[in-house]
Amino acid sequence: MEHLWLYAVLVAGIVVLPGMDMAFVLASTLVDGRRSGAAAVAGIVLGGMVHVAMGALGVGLLLQHVPVAFNALLLAGSLYVAWMGYGLLRNTQALSDVQDQPSRALHSTFVRATLTCLMNPKAYIFMLAVFPQFIRPQLGNIAAQSIALGAITAAAQIAVYGAVVLVAAQLRVWLRGSSKSQTSFSHWLGGLLVLTAVWTLWMGWRAV
């Protein structure tokens, strides 16, 4: 149990760091409300389970030894987040016309969140550097161990990103009362997404 507690602490520390997944949850909630934020969290949890499965199957090692593939994934994810940020920067009305119903179907947000998570290089780095350390063949069935680690990962994502949804939903209610604040925050959020994309690309790029 000791190594599971340590894994939980490490996962929580990684998830709580701002990144592509958190930025997507924040943007989805602010633009389309709490239900869309929850759909985004669910999509990211699914993406996290795929990462766990890939870690258990050793797919992460393949990416480690093929920098071109890793860089392609990194570039795709960064461009996607930057595109979302650019949309908020360009459209000053993005947060101004708040409706009770989301402007995008929940299943669409769910799919986009899953893709965002799957293109998140931070997750792959975690699976390369941390996940293998907690698979102990001497403890028995590797699949069962992977399921346990996956459950811990999902719990951390739900707790952290769920909190982001709750805070962002309250912020969204506050923004409804001020068009000036809506425009300013839309620009701030767009800039944050673009900076997140650039930082992720800069820090994760690997020499071929």
C-alpha atoms as a PDB file:
ATOM      1  CA  MET A   1       0.000   0.000   0.000  1.00  0.00           C
ATOM      2  CA  GLU A   2       2.901   2.360   0.621  1.00  0.00           C
ATOM      3  CA  HIS A   3       3.795   2.622  -3.058  1.00  0.00           C
ATOM      4  CA  LEU A   4       0.131   3.291  -3.949  1.00  0.00           C
ATOM      5  CA  TRP A   5       0.009   6.212  -1.521  1.00  0.00           C
ATOM      6  CA  LEU A   6       3.202   7.595  -3.024  1.00  0.00           C
ATOM      7  CA  TYR A   7       1.751   7.216  -6.515  1.00  0.00           C
ATOM      8  CA  ALA A   8      -1.387   9.078  -5.404  1.00  0.00           C
ATOM      9  CA  VAL A   9       0.699  11.979  -4.100  1.00  0.00           C
ATOM     10  CA  LEU A  10       2.745  12.148  -7.302  1.00  0.00           C
ATOM     11  CA  VAL A  11      -0.340  11.999  -9.530  1.00  0.00           C
ATOM     12  CA  ALA A  12      -2.081  14.730  -7.548  1.00  0.00           C
ATOM     13  CA  GLY A  13       1.035  16.897  -7.817  1.00  0.00           C
ATOM     14  CA  ILE A  14       1.148  16.454 -11.585  1.00  0.00           C
ATOM     15  CA  VAL A  15      -2.581  16.981 -12.154  1.00  0.00           C
ATOM     16  CA  VAL A  16      -2.736  20.152 -10.072  1.00  0.00           C
ATOM     17  CA  LEU A  17      -0.038  21.814 -12.209  1.00  0.00           C
ATOM     18  CA  PRO A  18      -1.625  24.073 -14.857  1.00  0.00           C
ATOM     19  CA  GLY A  19      -1.516  22.530 -18.305  1.00  0.00           C
ATOM     20  CA  MET A  20      -3.507  21.680 -21.403  1.00  0.00           C
ATOM     21  CA  ASP A  21      -6.128  19.564 -19.628  1.00  0.00           C
ATOM     22  CA  MET A  22      -6.830  22.141 -16.934  1.00  0.00           C
ATOM     23  CA  ALA A  23      -6.967  24.934 -19.511  1.00  0.00           C
ATOM     24  CA  PHE A  24      -9.529  22.990 -21.544  1.00  0.00           C
ATOM     25  CA  VAL A  25     -11.731  22.331 -18.497  1.00  0.00           C
ATOM     26  CA  LEU A  26     -11.538  25.993 -17.511  1.00  0.00           C
ATOM     27  CA  ALA A  27     -12.392  27.233 -21.000  1.00  0.00           C
ATOM     28  CA  SER A  28     -15.246  24.750 -21.462  1.00  0.00           C
ATOM     29  CA  THR A  29     -16.854  25.749 -18.164  1.00  0.00           C
ATOM     30  CA  LEU A  30     -16.507  29.490 -18.700  1.00  0.00           C
ATOM     31  CA  VAL A  31     -17.852  29.387 -22.251  1.00  0.00           C
ATOM     32  CA  ASP A  32     -20.577  26.751 -21.925  1.00  0.00           C
ATOM     33  CA  GLY A  33     -21.257  26.238 -18.234  1.00  0.00           C
ATOM     34  CA  ARG A  34     -20.938  23.617 -15.523  1.00  0.00           C
ATOM     35  CA  ARG A  35     -22.380  20.709 -17.531  1.00  0.00           C
ATOM     36  CA  SER A  36     -19.834  21.247 -20.290  1.00  0.00           C
ATOM     37  CA  GLY A  37     -17.110  21.465 -17.686  1.00  0.00           C
ATOM     38  CA  ALA A  38     -18.244  18.123 -16.270  1.00  0.00           C
ATOM     39  CA  ALA A  39     -18.249  16.637 -19.790  1.00  0.00           C
ATOM     40  CA  ALA A  40     -14.704  17.921 -20.249  1.00  0.00           C
ATOM     41  CA  VAL A  41     -13.613  16.292 -16.992  1.00  0.00           C
ATOM     42  CA  ALA A  42     -15.186  12.994 -18.065  1.00  0.00           C
ATOM     43  CA  GLY A  43     -13.374  13.133 -21.403  1.00  0.00           C
ATOM     44  CA  ILE A  44     -10.050  13.838 -19.733  1.00  0.00           C
ATOM     45  CA  VAL A  45     -10.575  10.935 -17.322  1.00  0.00           C
ATOM     46  CA  LEU A  46     -11.166   8.656 -20.326  1.00  0.00           C
ATOM     47  CA  GLY A  47      -7.991   9.976 -21.920  1.00  0.00           C
ATOM     48  CA  GLY A  48      -6.166   9.309 -18.670  1.00  0.00           C
ATOM     49  CA  MET A  49      -7.330   5.691 -18.715  1.00  0.00           C
ATOM     50  CA  VAL A  50      -5.965   5.329 -22.230  1.00  0.00           C
ATOM     51  CA  HIS A  51      -2.637   6.711 -21.001  1.00  0.00           C
ATOM     52  CA  VAL A  52      -2.614   4.155 -18.204  1.00  0.00           C
ATOM     53  CA  ALA A  53      -3.315   1.338 -20.650  1.00  0.00           C
ATOM     54  CA  MET A  54      -0.541   2.584 -22.923  1.00  0.00           C
ATOM     55  CA  GLY A  55       1.830   2.743 -19.973  1.00  0.00           C
ATOM     56  CA  ALA A  56       0.961  -0.812 -18.992  1.00  0.00           C
ATOM     57  CA  LEU A  57       1.463  -2.037 -22.553  1.00  0.00           C
ATOM     58  CA  GLY A  58       4.759  -0.215 -22.965  1.00  0.00           C
ATOM     59  CA  VAL A  59       3.554   2.117 -25.732  1.00  0.00           C
ATOM     60  CA  GLY A  60       5.164   5.001 -23.885  1.00  0.00           C
ATOM     61  CA  LEU A  61       8.552   3.369 -24.406  1.00  0.00           C
ATOM     62  CA  LEU A  62       7.944   3.418 -28.134  1.00  0.00           C
ATOM     63  CA  LEU A  63       7.376   7.173 -28.040  1.00  0.00           C
ATOM     64  CA  GLN A  64      10.519   7.553 -25.958  1.00  0.00           C
ATOM     65  CA  HIS A  65      12.620   5.864 -28.622  1.00  0.00           C
ATOM     66  CA  VAL A  66      10.925   7.570 -31.582  1.00  0.00           C
ATOM     67  CA  PRO A  67      11.298  11.331 -30.957  1.00  0.00           C
ATOM     68  CA  VAL A  68       9.638  12.166 -34.288  1.00  0.00           C
ATOM     69  CA  ALA A  69       6.403  10.522 -33.159  1.00  0.00           C
ATOM     70  CA  PHE A  70       6.538  12.246 -29.776  1.00  0.00           C
ATOM     71  CA  ASN A  71       7.183  15.642 -31.384  1.00  0.00           C
ATOM     72  CA  ALA A  72       4.302  15.145 -33.819  1.00  0.00           C
ATOM     73  CA  LEU A  73       1.971  14.417 -30.916  1.00  0.00           C
ATOM     74  CA  LEU A  74       3.325  17.388 -28.997  1.00  0.00           C
ATOM     75  CA  LEU A  75       2.878  19.727 -31.969  1.00  0.00           C
ATOM     76  CA  ALA A  76      -0.692  18.554 -32.635  1.00  0.00           C
ATOM     77  CA  GLY A  77      -1.747  19.059 -29.031  1.00  0.00           C
ATOM     78  CA  SER A  78      -0.080  22.458 -28.709  1.00  0.00           C
ATOM     79  CA  LEU A  79      -1.584  23.755 -31.947  1.00  0.00           C
ATOM     80  CA  TYR A  80      -5.025  22.585 -30.871  1.00  0.00           C
ATOM     81  CA  VAL A  81      -4.866  24.450 -27.557  1.00  0.00           C
ATOM     82  CA  ALA A  82      -3.377  27.524 -29.259  1.00  0.00           C
ATOM     83  CA  TRP A  83      -6.253  27.473 -31.760  1.00  0.00           C
ATOM     84  CA  MET A  84      -8.785  27.522 -28.915  1.00  0.00           C
ATOM     85  CA  GLY A  85      -6.944  30.430 -27.321  1.00  0.00           C
ATOM     86  CA  TYR A  86      -6.809  32.345 -30.590  1.00  0.00           C
ATOM     87  CA  GLY A  87     -10.553  31.918 -30.962  1.00  0.00           C
ATOM     88  CA  LEU A  88     -11.123  33.568 -27.584  1.00  0.00           C
ATOM     89  CA  LEU A  89      -8.680  36.375 -28.382  1.00  0.00           C
ATOM     90  CA  ARG A  90     -10.289  37.083 -31.730  1.00  0.00           C
ATOM     91  CA  ASN A  91     -13.919  36.813 -30.613  1.00  0.00           C
ATOM     92  CA  THR A  92     -14.501  39.482 -27.977  1.00  0.00           C
ATOM     93  CA  GLN A  93     -18.080  38.228 -27.529  1.00  0.00           C
ATOM     94  CA  ALA A  94     -17.062  34.659 -26.630  1.00  0.00           C
ATOM     95  CA  LEU A  95     -18.166  35.011 -23.015  1.00  0.00           C
ATOM     96  CA  SER A  96     -20.680  37.806 -23.391  1.00  0.00           C
ATOM     97  CA  ASP A  97     -23.781  35.918 -24.500  1.00  0.00           C
ATOM     98  CA  VAL A  98     -24.120  33.396 -21.709  1.00  0.00           C
ATOM     99  CA  GLN A  99     -27.014  30.973 -22.193  1.00  0.00           C
ATOM    100  CA  ASP A 100     -28.528  28.338 -19.942  1.00  0.00           C
ATOM    101  CA  GLN A 101     -27.820  25.703 -22.580  1.00  0.00           C
ATOM    102  CA  PRO A 102     -24.255  25.107 -23.832  1.00  0.00           C
ATOM    103  CA  SER A 103     -23.394  26.376 -27.299  1.00  0.00           C
ATOM    104  CA  ARG A 104     -21.686  23.050 -28.055  1.00  0.00           C
ATOM    105  CA  ALA A 105     -23.152  19.579 -27.611  1.00  0.00           C
ATOM    106  CA  LEU A 106     -21.915  17.835 -24.485  1.00  0.00           C
ATOM    107  CA  HIS A 107     -20.705  14.802 -26.428  1.00  0.00           C
ATOM    108  CA  SER A 108     -18.636  17.135 -28.612  1.00  0.00           C
ATOM    109  CA  THR A 109     -16.977  18.636 -25.532  1.00  0.00           C
ATOM    110  CA  PHE A 110     -16.392  15.133 -24.184  1.00  0.00           C
ATOM    111  CA  VAL A 111     -14.670  13.994 -27.401  1.00  0.00           C
ATOM    112  CA  ARG A 112     -12.570  17.144 -27.647  1.00  0.00           C
ATOM    113  CA  ALA A 113     -11.488  16.777 -24.018  1.00  0.00           C
ATOM    114  CA  THR A 114     -10.451  13.177 -24.629  1.00  0.00           C
ATOM    115  CA  LEU A 115      -8.399  14.223 -27.657  1.00  0.00           C
ATOM    116  CA  THR A 116      -6.827  17.069 -25.679  1.00  0.00           C
ATOM    117  CA  CYS A 117      -5.757  14.629 -22.975  1.00  0.00           C
ATOM    118  CA  LEU A 118      -4.444  12.129 -25.519  1.00  0.00           C
ATOM    119  CA  MET A 119      -2.355  14.873 -27.132  1.00  0.00           C
ATOM    120  CA  ASN A 120      -1.038  16.152 -23.802  1.00  0.00           C
ATOM    121  CA  PRO A 121       2.726  15.519 -23.654  1.00  0.00           C
ATOM    122  CA  LYS A 122       2.768  15.991 -19.870  1.00  0.00           C
ATOM    123  CA  ALA A 123       0.805  12.772 -19.538  1.00  0.00           C
ATOM    124  CA  TYR A 124       3.236  10.837 -21.719  1.00  0.00           C
ATOM    125  CA  ILE A 125       6.217  12.176 -19.802  1.00  0.00           C
ATOM    126  CA  PHE A 126       4.536  11.025 -16.581  1.00  0.00           C
ATOM    127  CA  MET A 127       3.923   7.582 -18.044  1.00  0.00           C
ATOM    128  CA  LEU A 128       7.556   7.339 -19.111  1.00  0.00           C
ATOM    129  CA  ALA A 129       9.144   8.635 -15.923  1.00  0.00           C
ATOM    130  CA  VAL A 130       6.778   7.637 -13.123  1.00  0.00           C
ATOM    131  CA  PHE A 131       4.224   4.979 -14.033  1.00  0.00           C
ATOM    132  CA  PRO A 132       6.689   2.118 -14.724  1.00  0.00           C
ATOM    133  CA  GLN A 133       8.229   2.613 -11.281  1.00  0.00           C
ATOM    134  CA  PHE A 134       4.974   1.512  -9.644  1.00  0.00           C
ATOM    135  CA  ILE A 135       4.390  -1.664 -11.637  1.00  0.00           C
ATOM    136  CA  ARG A 136       5.818  -4.442  -9.451  1.00  0.00           C
ATOM    137  CA  PRO A 137       5.851  -7.888 -11.130  1.00  0.00           C
ATOM    138  CA  GLN A 138       6.588  -9.496  -7.766  1.00  0.00           C
ATOM    139  CA  LEU A 139       3.220  -8.265  -6.488  1.00  0.00           C
ATOM    140  CA  GLY A 140       1.285 -10.333  -8.998  1.00  0.00           C
ATOM    141  CA  ASN A 141      -1.058  -9.540 -11.879  1.00  0.00           C
ATOM    142  CA  ILE A 142       0.202  -6.483 -13.786  1.00  0.00           C
ATOM    143  CA  ALA A 143      -3.244  -5.801 -15.249  1.00  0.00           C
ATOM    144  CA  ALA A 144      -4.749  -5.615 -11.755  1.00  0.00           C
ATOM    145  CA  GLN A 145      -1.986  -3.267 -10.638  1.00  0.00           C
ATOM    146  CA  SER A 146      -2.595  -1.066 -13.690  1.00  0.00           C
ATOM    147  CA  ILE A 147      -6.310  -0.918 -12.880  1.00  0.00           C
ATOM    148  CA  ALA A 148      -5.525   0.183  -9.321  1.00  0.00           C
ATOM    149  CA  LEU A 149      -3.135   2.873 -10.547  1.00  0.00           C
ATOM    150  CA  GLY A 150      -5.686   3.930 -13.142  1.00  0.00           C
ATOM    151  CA  ALA A 151      -8.361   4.308 -10.464  1.00  0.00           C
ATOM    152  CA  ILE A 152      -6.031   6.537  -8.449  1.00  0.00           C
ATOM    153  CA  THR A 153      -5.283   8.619 -11.542  1.00  0.00           C
ATOM    154  CA  ALA A 154      -8.997   9.043 -12.303  1.00  0.00           C
ATOM    155  CA  ALA A 155      -9.741  10.034  -8.703  1.00  0.00           C
ATOM    156  CA  ALA A 156      -7.039  12.717  -8.797  1.00  0.00           C
ATOM    157  CA  GLN A 157      -8.333  14.094 -12.109  1.00  0.00           C
ATOM    158  CA  ILE A 158     -11.939  14.185 -10.892  1.00  0.00           C
ATOM    159  CA  ALA A 159     -10.981  15.907  -7.628  1.00  0.00           C
ATOM    160  CA  VAL A 160      -8.715  18.567  -9.152  1.00  0.00           C
ATOM    161  CA  TYR A 161     -10.565  19.282 -12.385  1.00  0.00           C
ATOM    162  CA  GLY A 162     -13.922  19.008 -10.628  1.00  0.00           C
ATOM    163  CA  ALA A 163     -12.794  21.805  -8.326  1.00  0.00           C
ATOM    164  CA  VAL A 164     -11.790  23.844 -11.387  1.00  0.00           C
ATOM    165  CA  VAL A 165     -15.292  23.375 -12.804  1.00  0.00           C
ATOM    166  CA  LEU A 166     -16.940  24.566  -9.586  1.00  0.00           C
ATOM    167  CA  VAL A 167     -14.745  27.666  -9.337  1.00  0.00           C
ATOM    168  CA  ALA A 168     -15.095  28.486 -13.033  1.00  0.00           C
ATOM    169  CA  ALA A 169     -18.889  28.069 -12.868  1.00  0.00           C
ATOM    170  CA  GLN A 170     -19.080  30.634 -10.064  1.00  0.00           C
ATOM    171  CA  LEU A 171     -16.776  32.948 -11.997  1.00  0.00           C
ATOM    172  CA  ARG A 172     -19.027  32.566 -15.035  1.00  0.00           C
ATOM    173  CA  VAL A 173     -22.043  33.701 -13.002  1.00  0.00           C
ATOM    174  CA  TRP A 174     -20.113  36.772 -11.885  1.00  0.00           C
ATOM    175  CA  LEU A 175     -19.033  37.571 -15.446  1.00  0.00           C
ATOM    176  CA  ARG A 176     -22.641  37.620 -16.646  1.00  0.00           C
ATOM    177  CA  GLY A 177     -23.148  40.924 -14.875  1.00  0.00           C
ATOM    178  CA  SER A 178     -20.377  42.867 -16.612  1.00  0.00           C
ATOM    179  CA  SER A 179     -19.760  42.984 -20.366  1.00  0.00           C
ATOM    180  CA  LYS A 180     -16.433  44.724 -19.810  1.00  0.00           C
ATOM    181  CA  SER A 181     -15.271  41.973 -17.465  1.00  0.00           C
ATOM    182  CA  GLN A 182     -16.450  39.347 -19.953  1.00  0.00           C
ATOM    183  CA  THR A 183     -14.342  40.843 -22.735  1.00  0.00           C
ATOM    184  CA  SER A 184     -11.289  41.299 -20.524  1.00  0.00           C
ATOM    185  CA  PHE A 185     -11.489  37.786 -19.120  1.00  0.00           C
ATOM    186  CA  SER A 186     -12.071  36.312 -22.573  1.00  0.00           C
ATOM    187  CA  HIS A 187      -8.822  37.919 -23.715  1.00  0.00           C
ATOM    188  CA  TRP A 188      -7.021  36.764 -20.575  1.00  0.00           C
ATOM    189  CA  LEU A 189      -8.232  33.207 -21.012  1.00  0.00           C
ATOM    190  CA  GLY A 190      -7.316  33.176 -24.697  1.00  0.00           C
ATOM    191  CA  GLY A 191      -3.844  34.453 -23.900  1.00  0.00           C
ATOM    192  CA  LEU A 192      -3.477  31.817 -21.179  1.00  0.00           C
ATOM    193  CA  LEU A 193      -4.324  29.031 -23.628  1.00  0.00           C
ATOM    194  CA  VAL A 194      -1.855  30.325 -26.220  1.00  0.00           C
ATOM    195  CA  LEU A 195       0.911  30.684 -23.612  1.00  0.00           C
ATOM    196  CA  THR A 196       0.163  27.183 -22.304  1.00  0.00           C
ATOM    197  CA  ALA A 197       0.513  25.791 -25.816  1.00  0.00           C
ATOM    198  CA  VAL A 198       3.800  27.618 -26.468  1.00  0.00           C
ATOM    199  CA  TRP A 199       5.251  26.627 -23.081  1.00  0.00           C
ATOM    200  CA  THR A 200       4.257  22.996 -23.548  1.00  0.00           C
ATOM    201  CA  LEU A 201       5.827  22.892 -26.988  1.00  0.00           C
ATOM    202  CA  TRP A 202       9.002  24.599 -25.773  1.00  0.00           C
ATOM    203  CA  MET A 203       9.492  22.364 -22.760  1.00  0.00           C
ATOM    204  CA  GLY A 204       8.534  19.077 -24.376  1.00  0.00           C
ATOM    205  CA  TRP A 205      10.237  19.241 -27.782  1.00  0.00           C
ATOM    206  CA  ARG A 206      12.888  16.587 -28.278  1.00  0.00           C
ATOM    207  CA  ALA A 207      15.903  16.727 -30.540  1.00  0.00           C
ATOM    208  CA  VAL A 208      15.689  14.174 -33.319  1.00  0.00           C
END
